[in-house]
Amino acid sequence: MELTRRLTDAAEKLFDRYGYTATGMDRLTKAADMSSRTLYKHAGSKAQLMAMVLSERDKRFLCRTDVKSVEALFDALKDWTATEGARGCLFLRALGETGGDTPEITAAVEAHKAAFAARIGDIVAMDIGRDDPLLTEQIIVLFEGAAHAAIYRGNGAVDAARVAAAALVKAART
């Protein structure tokens, strides 16, 4: 277990910084301080390793976004970008790099995005007292946009999205 954790931690840092395509197996083995044979034994392939990384990131991200209001959701994003870095969504970057042609990565991204959409739907329902699929979609778009705009605009993008989300939530309550 420790070896797998060391591998996924090292791989996540590299994939997050350099991307999936630019991160070669030599770089991964060096960062994880293991042989390529050991890496393949624990990960199977680079695509499987990326899927493992995305699965672990999914758990960490969903834990961080386990909140009770839309405002708190944007606070969680601001905290995430401050601690994890503002490089956009690793899930969407991995999907973009592979063009949806790598089943392991596509499945991990689809699972994460479905779980995250359900989480947003639950948060919206708690915040306004009822389900609202349109508001849920709007909050998802604001959140995803803020995560990517934070790359070049900093956390001001998250603050701007929070204000827009607050206006939408207020309108939905009336």
C-alpha atoms as a PDB file:
ATOM      1  CA  MET A   1       0.000   0.000   0.000  1.00  0.00           C
ATOM      2  CA  GLU A   2       2.768   2.450   0.908  1.00  0.00           C
ATOM      3  CA  LEU A   3       4.477   1.867  -2.430  1.00  0.00           C
ATOM      4  CA  THR A   4       1.267   2.508  -4.371  1.00  0.00           C
ATOM      5  CA  ARG A   5       0.637   5.685  -2.388  1.00  0.00           C
ATOM      6  CA  ARG A   6       4.182   6.908  -3.059  1.00  0.00           C
ATOM      7  CA  LEU A   7       3.677   6.212  -6.739  1.00  0.00           C
ATOM      8  CA  THR A   8       0.311   7.971  -7.021  1.00  0.00           C
ATOM      9  CA  ASP A   9       1.543  10.976  -5.024  1.00  0.00           C
ATOM     10  CA  ALA A  10       4.599  11.375  -7.263  1.00  0.00           C
ATOM     11  CA  ALA A  11       2.547  10.806 -10.409  1.00  0.00           C
ATOM     12  CA  GLU A  12      -0.104  13.337  -9.414  1.00  0.00           C
ATOM     13  CA  LYS A  13       2.503  16.039  -8.914  1.00  0.00           C
ATOM     14  CA  LEU A  14       4.051  15.336 -12.299  1.00  0.00           C
ATOM     15  CA  PHE A  15       0.781  14.986 -14.213  1.00  0.00           C
ATOM     16  CA  ASP A  16      -0.543  18.149 -12.587  1.00  0.00           C
ATOM     17  CA  ARG A  17       2.575  20.141 -13.417  1.00  0.00           C
ATOM     18  CA  TYR A  18       3.547  18.798 -16.838  1.00  0.00           C
ATOM     19  CA  GLY A  19       0.416  17.092 -18.104  1.00  0.00           C
ATOM     20  CA  TYR A  20      -0.273  13.499 -18.999  1.00  0.00           C
ATOM     21  CA  THR A  21       1.444  13.426 -22.381  1.00  0.00           C
ATOM     22  CA  ALA A  22       4.636  15.228 -21.340  1.00  0.00           C
ATOM     23  CA  THR A  23       5.138  13.047 -18.274  1.00  0.00           C
ATOM     24  CA  GLY A  24       7.176  10.077 -19.383  1.00  0.00           C
ATOM     25  CA  MET A  25       7.663   6.807 -17.572  1.00  0.00           C
ATOM     26  CA  ASP A  26      11.331   7.609 -16.878  1.00  0.00           C
ATOM     27  CA  ARG A  27      10.305  10.780 -15.076  1.00  0.00           C
ATOM     28  CA  LEU A  28       7.663   8.854 -13.126  1.00  0.00           C
ATOM     29  CA  THR A  29      10.036   6.122 -11.990  1.00  0.00           C
ATOM     30  CA  LYS A  30      12.612   8.689 -10.904  1.00  0.00           C
ATOM     31  CA  ALA A  31      10.075  10.782  -8.976  1.00  0.00           C
ATOM     32  CA  ALA A  32       8.605   7.717  -7.255  1.00  0.00           C
ATOM     33  CA  ASP A  33      12.102   6.315  -6.630  1.00  0.00           C
ATOM     34  CA  MET A  34      11.288   2.915  -8.079  1.00  0.00           C
ATOM     35  CA  SER A  35      12.191   0.757 -11.048  1.00  0.00           C
ATOM     36  CA  SER A  36      10.038   0.696 -14.142  1.00  0.00           C
ATOM     37  CA  ARG A  37       9.265  -2.951 -13.386  1.00  0.00           C
ATOM     38  CA  THR A  38       7.913  -2.003  -9.952  1.00  0.00           C
ATOM     39  CA  LEU A  39       5.950   0.883 -11.445  1.00  0.00           C
ATOM     40  CA  TYR A  40       4.291  -1.352 -14.035  1.00  0.00           C
ATOM     41  CA  LYS A  41       3.596  -4.002 -11.383  1.00  0.00           C
ATOM     42  CA  HIS A  42       1.698  -1.483  -9.242  1.00  0.00           C
ATOM     43  CA  ALA A  43       0.145   0.676 -11.954  1.00  0.00           C
ATOM     44  CA  GLY A  44      -0.150  -1.545 -15.008  1.00  0.00           C
ATOM     45  CA  SER A  45       0.230   1.230 -17.569  1.00  0.00           C
ATOM     46  CA  LYS A  46       0.563   4.983 -17.725  1.00  0.00           C
ATOM     47  CA  ALA A  47      -3.171   5.281 -18.469  1.00  0.00           C
ATOM     48  CA  GLN A  48      -4.021   3.076 -15.491  1.00  0.00           C
ATOM     49  CA  LEU A  49      -1.683   5.142 -13.323  1.00  0.00           C
ATOM     50  CA  MET A  50      -3.437   8.338 -14.422  1.00  0.00           C
ATOM     51  CA  ALA A  51      -6.794   6.727 -13.616  1.00  0.00           C
ATOM     52  CA  MET A  52      -5.457   5.844 -10.141  1.00  0.00           C
ATOM     53  CA  VAL A  53      -4.256   9.427  -9.668  1.00  0.00           C
ATOM     54  CA  LEU A  54      -7.624  10.797 -10.757  1.00  0.00           C
ATOM     55  CA  SER A  55      -9.450   8.431  -8.412  1.00  0.00           C
ATOM     56  CA  GLU A  56      -7.374   9.588  -5.440  1.00  0.00           C
ATOM     57  CA  ARG A  57      -7.791  13.246  -6.434  1.00  0.00           C
ATOM     58  CA  ASP A  58     -11.536  12.697  -6.770  1.00  0.00           C
ATOM     59  CA  LYS A  59     -11.752  11.454  -3.174  1.00  0.00           C
ATOM     60  CA  ARG A  60      -9.691  14.372  -1.867  1.00  0.00           C
ATOM     61  CA  PHE A  61     -11.617  16.951  -3.895  1.00  0.00           C
ATOM     62  CA  LEU A  62     -15.058  15.630  -2.978  1.00  0.00           C
ATOM     63  CA  CYS A  63     -14.044  15.608   0.680  1.00  0.00           C
ATOM     64  CA  ARG A  64     -12.984  19.262   0.407  1.00  0.00           C
ATOM     65  CA  THR A  65     -16.255  20.217  -1.274  1.00  0.00           C
ATOM     66  CA  ASP A  66     -18.469  18.481   1.282  1.00  0.00           C
ATOM     67  CA  VAL A  67     -20.201  21.731   2.236  1.00  0.00           C
ATOM     68  CA  LYS A  68     -23.737  22.943   2.950  1.00  0.00           C
ATOM     69  CA  SER A  69     -24.056  26.075   0.801  1.00  0.00           C
ATOM     70  CA  VAL A  70     -23.085  27.464  -2.590  1.00  0.00           C
ATOM     71  CA  GLU A  71     -21.059  30.193  -0.883  1.00  0.00           C
ATOM     72  CA  ALA A  72     -19.113  27.561   1.061  1.00  0.00           C
ATOM     73  CA  LEU A  73     -18.519  25.701  -2.219  1.00  0.00           C
ATOM     74  CA  PHE A  74     -16.684  28.697  -3.645  1.00  0.00           C
ATOM     75  CA  ASP A  75     -14.784  29.078  -0.354  1.00  0.00           C
ATOM     76  CA  ALA A  76     -13.679  25.456  -0.836  1.00  0.00           C
ATOM     77  CA  LEU A  77     -12.518  26.236  -4.381  1.00  0.00           C
ATOM     78  CA  LYS A  78     -10.561  29.239  -3.151  1.00  0.00           C
ATOM     79  CA  ASP A  79      -8.934  27.070  -0.487  1.00  0.00           C
ATOM     80  CA  TRP A  80      -8.195  24.354  -3.067  1.00  0.00           C
ATOM     81  CA  THR A  81      -6.468  26.781  -5.450  1.00  0.00           C
ATOM     82  CA  ALA A  82      -4.500  28.298  -2.570  1.00  0.00           C
ATOM     83  CA  THR A  83      -3.231  24.936  -1.314  1.00  0.00           C
ATOM     84  CA  GLU A  84      -3.194  22.721  -4.416  1.00  0.00           C
ATOM     85  CA  GLY A  85      -2.388  25.397  -6.982  1.00  0.00           C
ATOM     86  CA  ALA A  86      -4.375  27.126  -9.688  1.00  0.00           C
ATOM     87  CA  ARG A  87      -3.727  25.023 -12.767  1.00  0.00           C
ATOM     88  CA  GLY A  88      -7.308  24.267 -13.738  1.00  0.00           C
ATOM     89  CA  CYS A  89      -9.090  20.960 -13.469  1.00  0.00           C
ATOM     90  CA  LEU A  90      -6.714  17.998 -13.806  1.00  0.00           C
ATOM     91  CA  PHE A  91      -9.640  15.828 -14.903  1.00  0.00           C
ATOM     92  CA  LEU A  92     -10.524  18.075 -17.830  1.00  0.00           C
ATOM     93  CA  ARG A  93      -6.887  18.605 -18.746  1.00  0.00           C
ATOM     94  CA  ALA A  94      -6.300  14.834 -18.867  1.00  0.00           C
ATOM     95  CA  LEU A  95      -9.433  14.308 -20.940  1.00  0.00           C
ATOM     96  CA  GLY A  96      -8.393  17.113 -23.288  1.00  0.00           C
ATOM     97  CA  GLU A  97      -4.905  15.694 -23.736  1.00  0.00           C
ATOM     98  CA  THR A  98      -6.171  12.217 -24.529  1.00  0.00           C
ATOM     99  CA  GLY A  99      -9.153  13.362 -26.587  1.00  0.00           C
ATOM    100  CA  GLY A 100     -11.408  10.885 -24.833  1.00  0.00           C
ATOM    101  CA  ASP A 101      -9.536   8.032 -26.540  1.00  0.00           C
ATOM    102  CA  THR A 102      -8.109   6.480 -23.363  1.00  0.00           C
ATOM    103  CA  PRO A 103     -10.895   4.465 -21.720  1.00  0.00           C
ATOM    104  CA  GLU A 104      -9.332   4.372 -18.231  1.00  0.00           C
ATOM    105  CA  ILE A 105      -8.955   8.149 -18.131  1.00  0.00           C
ATOM    106  CA  THR A 106     -12.323   8.848 -19.719  1.00  0.00           C
ATOM    107  CA  ALA A 107     -14.060   6.583 -17.189  1.00  0.00           C
ATOM    108  CA  ALA A 108     -12.297   8.287 -14.261  1.00  0.00           C
ATOM    109  CA  VAL A 109     -13.226  11.743 -15.555  1.00  0.00           C
ATOM    110  CA  GLU A 110     -16.853  10.790 -16.200  1.00  0.00           C
ATOM    111  CA  ALA A 111     -17.176   9.248 -12.732  1.00  0.00           C
ATOM    112  CA  HIS A 112     -15.702  12.338 -11.074  1.00  0.00           C
ATOM    113  CA  LYS A 113     -17.813  14.795 -13.033  1.00  0.00           C
ATOM    114  CA  ALA A 114     -20.999  12.814 -12.338  1.00  0.00           C
ATOM    115  CA  ALA A 115     -20.210  12.673  -8.617  1.00  0.00           C
ATOM    116  CA  PHE A 116     -19.358  16.364  -8.577  1.00  0.00           C
ATOM    117  CA  ALA A 117     -22.570  17.305 -10.415  1.00  0.00           C
ATOM    118  CA  ALA A 118     -24.554  15.281  -7.883  1.00  0.00           C
ATOM    119  CA  ARG A 119     -22.688  17.046  -5.077  1.00  0.00           C
ATOM    120  CA  ILE A 120     -23.540  20.457  -6.559  1.00  0.00           C
ATOM    121  CA  GLY A 121     -27.181  19.403  -6.919  1.00  0.00           C
ATOM    122  CA  ASP A 122     -27.263  18.422  -3.240  1.00  0.00           C
ATOM    123  CA  ILE A 123     -25.636  21.705  -2.195  1.00  0.00           C
ATOM    124  CA  VAL A 124     -28.098  23.733  -4.263  1.00  0.00           C
ATOM    125  CA  ALA A 125     -31.035  21.807  -2.772  1.00  0.00           C
ATOM    126  CA  MET A 126     -29.747  22.427   0.772  1.00  0.00           C
ATOM    127  CA  ASP A 127     -29.169  26.097   0.021  1.00  0.00           C
ATOM    128  CA  ILE A 128     -32.539  26.915  -1.571  1.00  0.00           C
ATOM    129  CA  GLY A 129     -34.693  24.168  -0.068  1.00  0.00           C
ATOM    130  CA  ARG A 130     -35.498  22.323  -3.301  1.00  0.00           C
ATOM    131  CA  ASP A 131     -33.939  20.711  -6.354  1.00  0.00           C
ATOM    132  CA  ASP A 132     -33.181  23.112  -9.188  1.00  0.00           C
ATOM    133  CA  PRO A 133     -31.455  21.443 -12.157  1.00  0.00           C
ATOM    134  CA  LEU A 134     -30.938  24.722 -14.042  1.00  0.00           C
ATOM    135  CA  LEU A 135     -29.336  26.441 -11.050  1.00  0.00           C
ATOM    136  CA  THR A 136     -27.197  23.346 -10.518  1.00  0.00           C
ATOM    137  CA  GLU A 137     -25.903  23.605 -14.099  1.00  0.00           C
ATOM    138  CA  GLN A 138     -25.252  27.326 -13.690  1.00  0.00           C
ATOM    139  CA  ILE A 139     -23.250  26.742 -10.505  1.00  0.00           C
ATOM    140  CA  ILE A 140     -21.244  23.967 -12.183  1.00  0.00           C
ATOM    141  CA  VAL A 141     -20.369  26.282 -15.072  1.00  0.00           C
ATOM    142  CA  LEU A 142     -19.396  29.107 -12.709  1.00  0.00           C
ATOM    143  CA  PHE A 143     -17.300  26.749 -10.582  1.00  0.00           C
ATOM    144  CA  GLU A 144     -15.516  25.128 -13.537  1.00  0.00           C
ATOM    145  CA  GLY A 145     -14.960  28.514 -15.169  1.00  0.00           C
ATOM    146  CA  ALA A 146     -13.567  29.989 -11.965  1.00  0.00           C
ATOM    147  CA  ALA A 147     -11.218  27.021 -11.523  1.00  0.00           C
ATOM    148  CA  HIS A 148      -9.763  27.635 -14.979  1.00  0.00           C
ATOM    149  CA  ALA A 149      -9.811  31.439 -14.876  1.00  0.00           C
ATOM    150  CA  ALA A 150      -7.885  31.291 -11.575  1.00  0.00           C
ATOM    151  CA  ILE A 151      -4.898  30.113 -13.633  1.00  0.00           C
ATOM    152  CA  TYR A 152      -4.388  33.581 -15.047  1.00  0.00           C
ATOM    153  CA  ARG A 153      -6.673  35.790 -12.941  1.00  0.00           C
ATOM    154  CA  GLY A 154      -5.886  34.390  -9.506  1.00  0.00           C
ATOM    155  CA  ASN A 155      -8.461  33.899  -6.795  1.00  0.00           C
ATOM    156  CA  GLY A 156     -10.238  37.063  -7.929  1.00  0.00           C
ATOM    157  CA  ALA A 157     -11.889  34.789 -10.502  1.00  0.00           C
ATOM    158  CA  VAL A 158     -13.264  32.633  -7.692  1.00  0.00           C
ATOM    159  CA  ASP A 159     -14.524  35.727  -5.871  1.00  0.00           C
ATOM    160  CA  ALA A 160     -16.263  36.970  -9.028  1.00  0.00           C
ATOM    161  CA  ALA A 161     -17.892  33.574  -9.584  1.00  0.00           C
ATOM    162  CA  ARG A 162     -19.023  33.522  -5.945  1.00  0.00           C
ATOM    163  CA  VAL A 163     -20.783  36.885  -6.404  1.00  0.00           C
ATOM    164  CA  ALA A 164     -22.509  35.667  -9.575  1.00  0.00           C
ATOM    165  CA  ALA A 165     -23.519  32.413  -7.842  1.00  0.00           C
ATOM    166  CA  ALA A 166     -24.897  34.346  -4.856  1.00  0.00           C
ATOM    167  CA  ALA A 167     -27.081  36.417  -7.187  1.00  0.00           C
ATOM    168  CA  LEU A 168     -28.393  33.252  -8.850  1.00  0.00           C
ATOM    169  CA  VAL A 169     -29.103  31.619  -5.499  1.00  0.00           C
ATOM    170  CA  LYS A 170     -30.892  34.737  -4.249  1.00  0.00           C
ATOM    171  CA  ALA A 171     -33.046  34.837  -7.384  1.00  0.00           C
ATOM    172  CA  ALA A 172     -33.875  31.130  -7.022  1.00  0.00           C
ATOM    173  CA  ARG A 173     -35.077  31.674  -3.450  1.00  0.00           C
ATOM    174  CA  THR A 174     -37.652  34.256  -4.497  1.00  0.00           C
END
